[in-house]
Protein backbone atom coordinates (compact mmCIF):
# COMPACT_ATOMS: atom_id res chain seq x y z
CA MET A 1 -5.00 -7.01 -23.64
CA HIS A 2 -1.76 -5.00 -23.48
CA GLY A 3 0.80 -7.76 -23.88
CA GLY A 4 0.54 -8.87 -20.26
CA GLN A 5 1.60 -5.43 -19.01
CA PHE A 6 -0.51 -2.82 -17.26
CA PRO A 7 -1.07 -0.14 -19.91
CA ALA A 8 0.46 3.32 -19.89
CA PRO A 9 -1.96 6.06 -18.75
CA ALA A 10 -2.93 7.19 -22.27
CA ALA A 11 -3.50 3.59 -23.39
CA LEU A 12 -5.60 2.89 -20.32
CA LEU A 13 -7.79 5.91 -21.01
CA ALA A 14 -8.24 4.72 -24.61
CA THR A 15 -9.33 1.25 -23.46
CA ASP A 16 -13.03 0.48 -23.73
CA VAL A 17 -14.79 0.18 -20.37
CA ALA A 18 -16.17 -3.23 -21.41
CA GLN A 19 -12.60 -4.48 -21.82
CA LEU A 20 -11.69 -3.20 -18.37
CA ARG A 21 -14.74 -4.93 -16.90
CA ALA A 22 -13.71 -8.14 -18.69
CA CYS A 23 -10.40 -7.89 -16.79
CA GLY A 24 -12.36 -8.06 -13.54
CA PHE A 25 -12.43 -4.37 -12.63
CA SER A 26 -15.59 -3.15 -10.88
CA GLY A 27 -17.15 0.14 -11.91
CA ARG A 28 -15.62 1.82 -8.86
CA LYS A 29 -12.14 0.44 -9.65
CA ILE A 30 -12.46 1.62 -13.24
CA THR A 31 -13.29 5.10 -11.97
CA TYR A 32 -10.24 5.03 -9.70
CA ILE A 33 -7.74 3.71 -12.25
CA THR A 34 -8.92 6.08 -14.97
CA GLY A 35 -8.67 8.92 -12.44
CA LEU A 36 -5.11 7.82 -11.68
CA ALA A 37 -4.32 7.72 -15.38
CA GLN A 38 -5.65 11.26 -15.80
CA ALA A 39 -3.66 12.43 -12.76
CA ALA A 40 -0.51 10.82 -14.16
CA LEU A 41 -0.96 12.53 -17.52
CA ALA A 42 -1.55 15.86 -15.75
CA GLY A 43 1.73 15.43 -13.86
CA ASN A 44 0.06 14.99 -10.46
CA ILE A 45 1.73 11.66 -9.74
CA PRO A 46 5.50 11.69 -9.28
CA ASP A 47 7.57 9.48 -11.52
CA HIS A 48 9.68 6.73 -9.96
CA ALA A 49 12.84 8.85 -9.63
CA THR A 50 10.94 11.73 -8.04
CA ALA A 51 9.12 9.38 -5.67
CA LEU A 52 12.44 7.86 -4.60
CA ALA A 53 13.67 11.31 -3.58
CA MET A 54 10.52 12.22 -1.63
CA GLU A 55 10.03 11.82 2.11
CA ASP A 56 7.59 9.07 3.08
CA GLU A 57 4.95 11.34 4.60
CA ALA A 58 5.13 13.80 1.69
CA LEU A 59 4.47 10.98 -0.76
CA ILE A 60 1.66 9.60 1.42
CA THR A 61 0.05 13.04 1.59
CA GLN A 62 0.33 13.64 -2.15
CA LEU A 63 -0.98 10.27 -3.25
CA THR A 64 -3.78 9.87 -0.70
CA ALA A 65 -5.27 13.09 -2.06
CA LEU A 66 -6.20 11.05 -5.15
CA PRO A 67 -9.57 9.24 -5.11
CA GLY A 68 -9.22 5.53 -4.41
CA ILE A 69 -5.75 5.77 -2.90
CA GLY A 70 -5.51 5.25 0.85
CA ARG A 71 -2.61 5.27 3.24
CA TRP A 72 -2.28 1.45 3.16
CA THR A 73 -1.95 1.49 -0.64
CA VAL A 74 0.86 4.05 -0.50
CA GLU A 75 2.58 2.22 2.35
CA MET A 76 2.59 -0.98 0.27
CA MET A 77 4.11 0.96 -2.64
CA LEU A 78 6.73 2.48 -0.33
CA MET A 79 7.71 -0.96 0.98
CA HIS A 80 7.45 -3.12 -2.12
CA THR A 81 8.20 -0.75 -5.00
CA LEU A 82 10.43 1.91 -3.47
CA ARG A 83 12.02 -0.55 -1.00
CA ARG A 84 11.65 1.77 1.99
CA ALA A 85 12.99 0.10 5.12
CA ASP A 86 11.08 1.99 7.80
CA ILE A 87 7.36 1.59 7.02
CA LEU A 88 4.99 -0.03 9.52
CA PRO A 89 1.49 -0.36 8.01
CA VAL A 90 -0.41 -0.25 11.31
CA ASP A 91 -3.81 -0.31 9.57
CA ASP A 92 -2.95 -3.68 8.01
CA LEU A 93 -4.98 -6.38 9.72
CA GLY A 94 -2.29 -9.00 9.05
CA VAL A 95 0.35 -6.91 10.82
CA ARG A 96 -1.91 -6.26 13.80
CA GLU A 97 -3.04 -9.89 13.97
CA GLY A 98 0.57 -11.10 13.75
CA PHE A 99 1.48 -8.89 16.70
CA ARG A 100 -1.51 -10.23 18.63
CA ARG A 101 -0.43 -13.83 18.04
CA LEU A 102 3.24 -13.11 18.76
CA LYS A 103 2.41 -11.54 22.11
CA GLY A 104 -0.42 -13.92 23.00
CA LEU A 105 -2.97 -11.11 23.25
CA SER A 106 -6.72 -11.71 23.22
CA THR A 107 -7.29 -8.79 20.83
CA ALA A 108 -5.16 -7.10 18.22
CA PRO A 109 -3.62 -3.75 19.16
CA THR A 110 -5.17 -0.58 17.82
CA PRO A 111 -3.29 1.10 14.99
CA ARG A 112 -2.32 3.93 17.36
CA LEU A 113 -0.91 1.53 19.97
CA LEU A 114 1.00 -0.47 17.35
CA ARG A 115 2.38 2.76 15.88
CA ASP A 116 3.67 3.73 19.33
CA ILE A 117 5.15 0.28 19.97
CA GLY A 118 6.70 0.26 16.51
CA LEU A 119 8.70 3.42 17.16
CA ALA A 120 11.24 1.21 18.93
CA TRP A 121 11.73 -0.80 15.73
CA SER A 122 12.80 2.19 13.63
CA PRO A 123 14.61 2.25 11.19
CA HIS A 124 13.65 -1.38 10.45
CA ARG A 125 9.86 -1.28 10.65
CA SER A 126 9.35 -2.75 7.17
CA SER A 127 11.24 -5.85 8.30
CA ALA A 128 9.13 -5.98 11.45
CA ALA A 129 5.98 -5.84 9.29
CA TRP A 130 7.26 -8.73 7.18
CA TYR A 131 7.86 -10.85 10.26
CA LEU A 132 4.47 -9.95 11.73
CA TRP A 133 2.76 -10.96 8.47
CA HIS A 134 4.46 -14.34 8.77
CA VAL A 135 3.72 -15.24 12.40
CA PRO A 136 2.12 -18.69 12.05
CA ARG A 137 -1.61 -18.87 12.73
CA ASP A 138 -1.03 -21.55 15.34
CA TYR A 139 1.87 -19.76 17.07
CA LEU A 140 1.84 -19.95 20.84
CA PRO A 141 4.20 -17.57 22.66
CA PRO A 142 6.69 -19.16 25.09
């Protein structure tokens, strides 16, 4: 539709809803991505350079104010796009389940408990998350 690239905000807003649906977007997702496009055009979303200079929590606060953007979404952007080294997405089920398997627990820790435990891993919590995502499903602790 746009040469294999996600369209720029103005191009997205000019795209027919039927085309967006044909790409697999639900009505709710279309509402969210067009809202993001409008916010970007209005200057309410920082560009890459500005985002790089922002503190993690400031960026989380700014972006989660937008409909359809939750903390997990921003944390994934911080880790994978901005390459932040100290993000622990405690609401991520894979991270919590990996910790459960690693420690041989019967239930996954709550986000609050994992956040507290993860303080000891700072400033390398993004690496810890990666390892927790990759704990094998059949792992048995020693």
